[in-house]
Amino acid sequence: MTLQKRIEKAVQTLKDFQDAVDDAKHTTTDILVSISDFIDDDLNDLVDELEEVADEVGDVEEKLEVLEIALDELKEGSEAV
């Protein structure tokens, strides 16, 4: 799954949870069940997924930094010619 899709899935999970809690038709008991279900089923997976996304973003940032350094070196080399 791409990074964008994983983030979209995490956002959708949070929106679904928000909708379940905000729904005016729900009673307090239903809201508590929704919160409990979210914590039991989705929250741990969501946290794990966000941690993986954060790690991947860190890797991409490191690669970007290396590429920027290489680009600067290429620019300096072409200016010297």
Protein backbone atom coordinates (compact mmCIF):
# COMPACT_ATOMS: atom_id res chain seq x y z
CA MET A 1 0.00 0.00 0.00
CA THR A 2 1.39 3.42 -0.91
CA LEU A 3 2.19 5.99 1.73
CA GLN A 4 -0.64 8.21 0.53
CA LYS A 5 -3.15 5.35 0.66
CA ARG A 6 -2.03 4.44 4.18
CA ILE A 7 -2.49 8.02 5.36
CA GLU A 8 -5.90 8.21 3.65
CA LYS A 9 -6.91 4.98 5.40
CA ALA A 10 -5.84 6.38 8.78
CA VAL A 11 -7.78 9.59 8.15
CA GLN A 12 -10.86 7.62 7.08
CA THR A 13 -10.66 5.49 10.23
CA LEU A 14 -10.65 8.63 12.37
CA LYS A 15 -13.53 10.16 10.36
CA ASP A 16 -15.57 6.96 10.73
CA PHE A 17 -14.98 7.02 14.46
CA GLN A 18 -15.94 10.69 14.64
CA ASP A 19 -19.12 10.04 12.66
CA ALA A 20 -20.08 7.16 14.94
CA VAL A 21 -19.65 9.31 18.04
CA ASP A 22 -21.22 12.47 16.57
CA ASP A 23 -24.34 10.76 15.26
CA ALA A 24 -27.26 12.34 17.14
CA LYS A 25 -29.23 9.07 16.98
CA HIS A 26 -26.72 7.34 19.24
CA THR A 27 -27.37 7.01 22.91
CA THR A 28 -24.63 7.34 25.48
CA THR A 29 -24.37 3.55 25.65
CA ASP A 30 -23.91 3.32 21.87
CA ILE A 31 -21.27 6.05 21.95
CA LEU A 32 -19.38 4.21 24.69
CA VAL A 33 -19.56 0.99 22.68
CA SER A 34 -18.25 2.84 19.60
CA ILE A 35 -15.37 4.26 21.63
CA SER A 36 -14.60 0.85 23.09
CA ASP A 37 -14.73 -0.83 19.66
CA PHE A 38 -12.48 1.84 18.20
CA ILE A 39 -9.94 1.45 20.99
CA ASP A 40 -10.04 -2.35 20.85
CA ASP A 41 -10.07 -2.80 17.09
CA ASP A 42 -8.73 0.23 15.31
CA LEU A 43 -6.60 2.40 17.57
CA ASN A 44 -3.68 0.02 17.98
CA ASP A 45 -3.61 -0.68 14.24
CA LEU A 46 -3.84 3.03 13.53
CA VAL A 47 -0.96 3.85 15.88
CA ASP A 48 1.18 1.09 14.36
CA GLU A 49 0.39 2.31 10.86
CA LEU A 50 1.20 5.92 11.73
CA GLU A 51 4.50 4.84 13.30
CA GLU A 52 5.40 2.97 10.10
CA VAL A 53 4.44 6.00 8.01
CA ALA A 54 6.59 8.23 10.24
CA ASP A 55 9.54 5.85 9.77
CA GLU A 56 9.08 5.87 6.01
CA VAL A 57 8.83 9.66 5.95
CA GLY A 58 12.10 9.80 7.88
CA ASP A 59 13.74 7.51 5.32
CA VAL A 60 12.44 9.64 2.46
CA GLU A 61 13.71 12.81 4.15
CA GLU A 62 17.17 11.26 4.53
CA LYS A 63 17.20 10.24 0.86
CA LEU A 64 16.05 13.73 -0.13
CA GLU A 65 18.89 15.27 1.85
CA VAL A 66 21.42 13.05 0.06
CA LEU A 67 19.91 13.97 -3.31
CA GLU A 68 19.99 17.69 -2.47
CA ILE A 69 23.68 17.42 -1.56
CA ALA A 70 24.41 15.58 -4.81
CA LEU A 71 22.46 18.21 -6.77
CA ASP A 72 24.41 21.02 -5.11
CA GLU A 73 27.67 19.24 -5.98
CA LEU A 74 26.55 18.88 -9.60
CA LYS A 75 25.62 22.57 -9.76
CA GLU A 76 28.99 23.56 -8.31
CA GLY A 77 30.75 21.30 -10.84
CA SER A 78 28.85 22.75 -13.79
CA GLU A 79 29.55 26.31 -12.62
CA ALA A 80 33.27 25.55 -12.47
CA VAL A 81 33.28 24.52 -16.15
